[in-house]
Amino acid sequence: MAEMVDVQQETIGVGTVAALVLYGYGTFVDETLFGYEATTLAMWVFVGTFAAVAVFHGAYGRRDFAAAHGTAALGLGVFLLASDGRQALLGLLLLLGGGIYIAITTIRVRRELNEAAGSE
């Protein structure tokens, strides 16, 4: 029997911890780190986290999840680089669209896995 490894949880966990450390540093220690706002760096860590999860899903053959996480990464990146309201709105819509797909599909897949495990 092949062993299944869920790298999504670990990747999201590491990205979240790194972002929280940067956010805490920017809030309580110093606003900047290497000349950049630490809280902004925290958001870029989330962009990298979404992109990494997209790559992992693509490698495992879940192209729908890869596209959704890639869309979320792109949306957050566009939002962070936005110079006007339309660009910010586009970024938020991409982030929202990717996030909604991820949430709905994850719930459905986990439900199917639980039902399959219960029937064994």
N, C-alpha and C. Protein backbone atom coordinates (compact mmCIF):
# COMPACT_ATOMS: atom_id res chain seq x y z
N MET A 1 0.85 -1.18 0.00
CA MET A 1 0.00 0.00 0.00
C MET A 1 0.90 1.24 0.00
N ALA A 2 0.61 2.15 -0.88
CA ALA A 2 1.40 3.38 -0.98
C ALA A 2 1.04 4.31 0.17
N GLU A 3 2.05 4.96 0.72
CA GLU A 3 1.82 5.92 1.80
C GLU A 3 1.54 7.28 1.19
N MET A 4 0.51 7.96 1.70
CA MET A 4 0.13 9.26 1.18
C MET A 4 0.64 10.35 2.12
N VAL A 5 1.31 11.34 1.56
CA VAL A 5 1.86 12.43 2.35
C VAL A 5 1.14 13.71 1.95
N ASP A 6 0.66 14.44 2.96
CA ASP A 6 -0.05 15.69 2.70
C ASP A 6 0.91 16.85 2.96
N VAL A 7 1.60 17.29 1.90
CA VAL A 7 2.56 18.38 2.06
C VAL A 7 1.87 19.74 2.11
N GLN A 8 0.61 19.79 1.73
CA GLN A 8 -0.11 21.07 1.76
C GLN A 8 -0.18 21.60 3.18
N GLN A 9 -0.53 20.76 4.13
CA GLN A 9 -0.65 21.23 5.51
C GLN A 9 0.68 21.73 6.05
N GLU A 10 1.76 21.00 5.79
CA GLU A 10 3.07 21.44 6.28
C GLU A 10 3.51 22.73 5.62
N THR A 11 3.30 22.85 4.32
CA THR A 11 3.68 24.06 3.60
C THR A 11 2.91 25.27 4.10
N ILE A 12 1.62 25.11 4.26
CA ILE A 12 0.80 26.21 4.77
C ILE A 12 1.20 26.55 6.20
N GLY A 13 1.50 25.53 7.00
CA GLY A 13 1.94 25.77 8.37
C GLY A 13 3.23 26.56 8.45
N VAL A 14 4.22 26.15 7.67
CA VAL A 14 5.50 26.86 7.67
C VAL A 14 5.33 28.29 7.16
N GLY A 15 4.56 28.46 6.09
CA GLY A 15 4.32 29.80 5.56
C GLY A 15 3.59 30.69 6.54
N THR A 16 2.62 30.12 7.25
CA THR A 16 1.87 30.91 8.22
C THR A 16 2.75 31.32 9.40
N VAL A 17 3.56 30.39 9.89
CA VAL A 17 4.45 30.73 11.00
C VAL A 17 5.44 31.82 10.58
N ALA A 18 6.02 31.68 9.39
CA ALA A 18 6.97 32.70 8.91
C ALA A 18 6.28 34.06 8.77
N ALA A 19 5.06 34.06 8.23
CA ALA A 19 4.33 35.33 8.08
C ALA A 19 4.00 35.94 9.43
N LEU A 20 3.59 35.12 10.39
CA LEU A 20 3.28 35.64 11.72
C LEU A 20 4.52 36.19 12.42
N VAL A 21 5.65 35.53 12.24
CA VAL A 21 6.90 36.04 12.82
C VAL A 21 7.24 37.41 12.22
N LEU A 22 7.14 37.52 10.90
CA LEU A 22 7.41 38.80 10.25
C LEU A 22 6.42 39.87 10.70
N TYR A 23 5.16 39.50 10.79
CA TYR A 23 4.14 40.45 11.23
C TYR A 23 4.40 40.90 12.66
N GLY A 24 4.72 39.96 13.53
CA GLY A 24 5.03 40.30 14.91
C GLY A 24 6.26 41.17 15.02
N TYR A 25 7.28 40.86 14.23
CA TYR A 25 8.49 41.68 14.21
C TYR A 25 8.15 43.10 13.77
N GLY A 26 7.36 43.22 12.71
CA GLY A 26 7.00 44.54 12.20
C GLY A 26 6.11 45.32 13.14
N THR A 27 5.33 44.62 13.94
CA THR A 27 4.41 45.28 14.87
C THR A 27 5.09 45.67 16.17
N PHE A 28 5.91 44.78 16.71
CA PHE A 28 6.43 44.98 18.06
C PHE A 28 7.92 45.36 18.15
N VAL A 29 8.72 45.02 17.14
CA VAL A 29 10.16 45.26 17.22
C VAL A 29 10.57 46.46 16.38
N ASP A 30 10.40 46.35 15.08
CA ASP A 30 10.80 47.41 14.17
C ASP A 30 9.92 47.32 12.94
N GLU A 31 9.51 48.45 12.39
CA GLU A 31 8.60 48.43 11.25
C GLU A 31 9.26 47.90 9.98
N THR A 32 10.56 48.01 9.89
CA THR A 32 11.24 47.57 8.66
C THR A 32 12.23 46.45 8.95
N LEU A 33 12.45 45.67 7.92
CA LEU A 33 13.43 44.59 7.95
C LEU A 33 14.15 44.63 6.61
N PHE A 34 15.45 44.88 6.64
CA PHE A 34 16.25 45.02 5.41
C PHE A 34 15.70 46.10 4.49
N GLY A 35 15.12 47.14 5.07
CA GLY A 35 14.62 48.26 4.29
C GLY A 35 13.20 48.09 3.76
N TYR A 36 12.55 46.98 4.07
CA TYR A 36 11.19 46.73 3.62
C TYR A 36 10.27 46.65 4.84
N GLU A 37 9.01 47.04 4.66
CA GLU A 37 8.06 46.91 5.76
C GLU A 37 7.88 45.44 6.07
N ALA A 38 8.06 45.09 7.33
CA ALA A 38 7.97 43.68 7.73
C ALA A 38 6.58 43.12 7.51
N THR A 39 5.56 43.93 7.72
CA THR A 39 4.20 43.44 7.52
C THR A 39 3.92 43.17 6.03
N THR A 40 4.51 43.95 5.15
CA THR A 40 4.37 43.69 3.72
C THR A 40 5.13 42.42 3.34
N LEU A 41 6.30 42.23 3.92
CA LEU A 41 7.04 40.98 3.68
C LEU A 41 6.22 39.78 4.13
N ALA A 42 5.48 39.92 5.21
CA ALA A 42 4.63 38.83 5.69
C ALA A 42 3.59 38.46 4.64
N MET A 43 3.04 39.45 3.97
CA MET A 43 2.05 39.16 2.93
C MET A 43 2.70 38.49 1.72
N TRP A 44 3.94 38.88 1.39
CA TRP A 44 4.64 38.23 0.29
C TRP A 44 4.98 36.79 0.63
N VAL A 45 5.17 36.50 1.91
CA VAL A 45 5.37 35.10 2.32
C VAL A 45 4.13 34.28 1.99
N PHE A 46 2.95 34.87 2.19
CA PHE A 46 1.72 34.16 1.82
C PHE A 46 1.63 33.95 0.31
N VAL A 47 2.07 34.91 -0.48
CA VAL A 47 2.10 34.72 -1.93
C VAL A 47 2.98 33.52 -2.27
N GLY A 48 4.16 33.47 -1.65
CA GLY A 48 5.06 32.34 -1.88
C GLY A 48 4.49 31.02 -1.41
N THR A 49 3.76 31.07 -0.31
CA THR A 49 3.13 29.85 0.22
C THR A 49 2.08 29.32 -0.76
N PHE A 50 1.22 30.21 -1.24
CA PHE A 50 0.22 29.80 -2.22
C PHE A 50 0.88 29.24 -3.48
N ALA A 51 1.94 29.90 -3.94
CA ALA A 51 2.64 29.44 -5.14
C ALA A 51 3.28 28.07 -4.91
N ALA A 52 3.88 27.86 -3.75
CA ALA A 52 4.50 26.56 -3.44
C ALA A 52 3.45 25.45 -3.40
N VAL A 53 2.32 25.72 -2.78
CA VAL A 53 1.25 24.72 -2.73
C VAL A 53 0.74 24.44 -4.15
N ALA A 54 0.68 25.46 -4.99
CA ALA A 54 0.26 25.26 -6.39
C ALA A 54 1.23 24.32 -7.10
N VAL A 55 2.52 24.53 -6.89
CA VAL A 55 3.52 23.66 -7.52
C VAL A 55 3.38 22.23 -7.03
N PHE A 56 3.20 22.05 -5.72
CA PHE A 56 3.04 20.70 -5.17
C PHE A 56 1.82 20.00 -5.74
N HIS A 57 0.69 20.71 -5.82
CA HIS A 57 -0.51 20.11 -6.37
C HIS A 57 -0.31 19.75 -7.85
N GLY A 58 0.38 20.61 -8.57
CA GLY A 58 0.68 20.30 -9.97
C GLY A 58 1.54 19.06 -10.10
N ALA A 59 2.50 18.90 -9.20
CA ALA A 59 3.38 17.73 -9.22
C ALA A 59 2.63 16.45 -8.89
N TYR A 60 1.60 16.55 -8.07
CA TYR A 60 0.81 15.37 -7.70
C TYR A 60 -0.35 15.12 -8.64
N GLY A 61 -0.50 15.95 -9.66
CA GLY A 61 -1.53 15.73 -10.66
C GLY A 61 -2.86 16.38 -10.38
N ARG A 62 -2.96 17.17 -9.32
CA ARG A 62 -4.22 17.88 -9.03
C ARG A 62 -4.15 19.26 -9.68
N ARG A 63 -4.35 19.29 -10.99
CA ARG A 63 -4.20 20.52 -11.73
C ARG A 63 -5.25 21.56 -11.34
N ASP A 64 -6.44 21.11 -10.93
CA ASP A 64 -7.47 22.06 -10.50
C ASP A 64 -7.03 22.80 -9.24
N PHE A 65 -6.48 22.07 -8.27
CA PHE A 65 -5.98 22.71 -7.06
C PHE A 65 -4.76 23.58 -7.38
N ALA A 66 -3.91 23.11 -8.28
CA ALA A 66 -2.74 23.90 -8.67
C ALA A 66 -3.18 25.23 -9.28
N ALA A 67 -4.16 25.18 -10.16
CA ALA A 67 -4.65 26.41 -10.78
C ALA A 67 -5.30 27.33 -9.75
N ALA A 68 -6.06 26.76 -8.82
CA ALA A 68 -6.73 27.58 -7.81
C ALA A 68 -5.72 28.25 -6.88
N HIS A 69 -4.72 27.51 -6.43
CA HIS A 69 -3.70 28.11 -5.55
C HIS A 69 -2.85 29.12 -6.32
N GLY A 70 -2.56 28.81 -7.59
CA GLY A 70 -1.83 29.77 -8.42
C GLY A 70 -2.63 31.05 -8.63
N THR A 71 -3.93 30.92 -8.81
CA THR A 71 -4.79 32.09 -8.96
C THR A 71 -4.81 32.92 -7.68
N ALA A 72 -4.86 32.24 -6.54
CA ALA A 72 -4.83 32.96 -5.25
C ALA A 72 -3.49 33.69 -5.08
N ALA A 73 -2.39 33.03 -5.43
CA ALA A 73 -1.07 33.67 -5.33
C ALA A 73 -1.00 34.88 -6.25
N LEU A 74 -1.46 34.72 -7.48
CA LEU A 74 -1.46 35.83 -8.43
C LEU A 74 -2.33 36.98 -7.92
N GLY A 75 -3.50 36.65 -7.40
CA GLY A 75 -4.41 37.68 -6.90
C GLY A 75 -3.81 38.48 -5.76
N LEU A 76 -3.19 37.78 -4.80
CA LEU A 76 -2.58 38.49 -3.68
C LEU A 76 -1.39 39.33 -4.15
N GLY A 77 -0.61 38.79 -5.10
CA GLY A 77 0.50 39.55 -5.65
C GLY A 77 0.04 40.80 -6.38
N VAL A 78 -1.01 40.66 -7.19
CA VAL A 78 -1.56 41.83 -7.90
C VAL A 78 -2.06 42.86 -6.89
N PHE A 79 -2.74 42.39 -5.85
CA PHE A 79 -3.24 43.31 -4.82
C PHE A 79 -2.09 44.06 -4.14
N LEU A 80 -1.02 43.34 -3.81
CA LEU A 80 0.11 43.98 -3.13
C LEU A 80 0.83 45.00 -4.02
N LEU A 81 0.81 44.77 -5.32
CA LEU A 81 1.48 45.68 -6.26
C LEU A 81 0.56 46.74 -6.84
N ALA A 82 -0.72 46.68 -6.50
CA ALA A 82 -1.72 47.57 -7.11
C ALA A 82 -1.38 49.03 -6.86
N SER A 83 -1.58 49.83 -7.92
CA SER A 83 -1.33 51.27 -7.81
C SER A 83 -2.63 52.07 -7.92
N ASP A 84 -3.75 51.38 -8.19
CA ASP A 84 -5.03 52.07 -8.20
C ASP A 84 -6.13 51.09 -7.76
N GLY A 85 -7.31 51.59 -7.63
CA GLY A 85 -8.43 50.80 -7.12
C GLY A 85 -8.82 49.64 -8.01
N ARG A 86 -8.74 49.84 -9.33
CA ARG A 86 -9.11 48.75 -10.25
C ARG A 86 -8.16 47.57 -10.14
N GLN A 87 -6.87 47.87 -10.03
CA GLN A 87 -5.89 46.79 -9.88
C GLN A 87 -6.08 46.06 -8.55
N ALA A 88 -6.35 46.82 -7.50
CA ALA A 88 -6.59 46.21 -6.19
C ALA A 88 -7.83 45.32 -6.24
N LEU A 89 -8.89 45.80 -6.89
CA LEU A 89 -10.11 45.01 -7.02
C LEU A 89 -9.86 43.74 -7.83
N LEU A 90 -9.10 43.85 -8.92
CA LEU A 90 -8.77 42.66 -9.72
C LEU A 90 -8.02 41.65 -8.85
N GLY A 91 -7.04 42.11 -8.09
CA GLY A 91 -6.29 41.21 -7.22
C GLY A 91 -7.19 40.53 -6.20
N LEU A 92 -8.07 41.30 -5.59
CA LEU A 92 -8.98 40.72 -4.60
C LEU A 92 -9.95 39.72 -5.23
N LEU A 93 -10.42 40.01 -6.44
CA LEU A 93 -11.33 39.08 -7.12
C LEU A 93 -10.62 37.77 -7.46
N LEU A 94 -9.37 37.86 -7.92
CA LEU A 94 -8.60 36.64 -8.19
C LEU A 94 -8.36 35.85 -6.91
N LEU A 95 -7.99 36.54 -5.85
CA LEU A 95 -7.77 35.88 -4.56
C LEU A 95 -9.06 35.23 -4.07
N LEU A 96 -10.16 35.93 -4.17
CA LEU A 96 -11.45 35.41 -3.74
C LEU A 96 -11.87 34.20 -4.58
N GLY A 97 -11.71 34.31 -5.89
CA GLY A 97 -12.10 33.20 -6.76
C GLY A 97 -11.29 31.94 -6.48
N GLY A 98 -9.98 32.09 -6.36
CA GLY A 98 -9.14 30.93 -6.04
C GLY A 98 -9.48 30.36 -4.67
N GLY A 99 -9.69 31.24 -3.70
CA GLY A 99 -10.00 30.79 -2.34
C GLY A 99 -11.33 30.07 -2.25
N ILE A 100 -12.34 30.57 -2.94
CA ILE A 100 -13.65 29.91 -2.91
C ILE A 100 -13.56 28.52 -3.53
N TYR A 101 -12.86 28.41 -4.67
CA TYR A 101 -12.71 27.09 -5.30
C TYR A 101 -11.97 26.14 -4.37
N ILE A 102 -10.90 26.61 -3.75
CA ILE A 102 -10.12 25.77 -2.83
C ILE A 102 -11.01 25.29 -1.68
N ALA A 103 -11.75 26.20 -1.07
CA ALA A 103 -12.59 25.84 0.08
C ALA A 103 -13.65 24.82 -0.30
N ILE A 104 -14.40 25.08 -1.35
CA ILE A 104 -15.49 24.19 -1.75
C ILE A 104 -14.95 22.82 -2.15
N THR A 105 -13.90 22.79 -2.95
CA THR A 105 -13.36 21.52 -3.42
C THR A 105 -12.71 20.74 -2.28
N THR A 106 -12.04 21.42 -1.37
CA THR A 106 -11.42 20.73 -0.23
C THR A 106 -12.48 20.08 0.64
N ILE A 107 -13.57 20.77 0.91
CA ILE A 107 -14.66 20.20 1.71
C ILE A 107 -15.23 18.98 1.01
N ARG A 108 -15.45 19.09 -0.30
CA ARG A 108 -16.02 17.97 -1.06
C ARG A 108 -15.08 16.76 -1.06
N VAL A 109 -13.80 16.98 -1.31
CA VAL A 109 -12.83 15.88 -1.36
C VAL A 109 -12.71 15.21 0.01
N ARG A 110 -12.64 15.99 1.08
CA ARG A 110 -12.53 15.40 2.42
C ARG A 110 -13.78 14.61 2.78
N ARG A 111 -14.94 15.10 2.38
CA ARG A 111 -16.18 14.37 2.64
C ARG A 111 -16.15 13.03 1.90
N GLU A 112 -15.71 13.04 0.63
CA GLU A 112 -15.63 11.81 -0.14
C GLU A 112 -14.64 10.83 0.48
N LEU A 113 -13.50 11.33 0.95
CA LEU A 113 -12.51 10.46 1.60
C LEU A 113 -13.07 9.86 2.88
N ASN A 114 -13.79 10.65 3.67
CA ASN A 114 -14.39 10.15 4.90
C ASN A 114 -15.46 9.10 4.62
N GLU A 115 -16.25 9.31 3.58
CA GLU A 115 -17.27 8.34 3.21
C GLU A 115 -16.64 7.05 2.72
N ALA A 116 -15.56 7.16 1.94
CA ALA A 116 -14.86 5.97 1.45
C ALA A 116 -14.21 5.21 2.61
N ALA A 117 -13.65 5.93 3.57
CA ALA A 117 -13.03 5.28 4.73
C ALA A 117 -14.08 4.61 5.61
N GLY A 118 -15.26 5.19 5.69
CA GLY A 118 -16.33 4.62 6.51
C GLY A 118 -16.94 3.38 5.91
N SER A 119 -16.85 3.22 4.59
CA SER A 119 -17.44 2.05 3.94
C SER A 119 -16.52 0.85 3.93
N GLU A 120 -15.27 1.02 4.36
CA GLU A 120 -14.32 -0.10 4.37
C GLU A 120 -14.47 -0.95 5.59
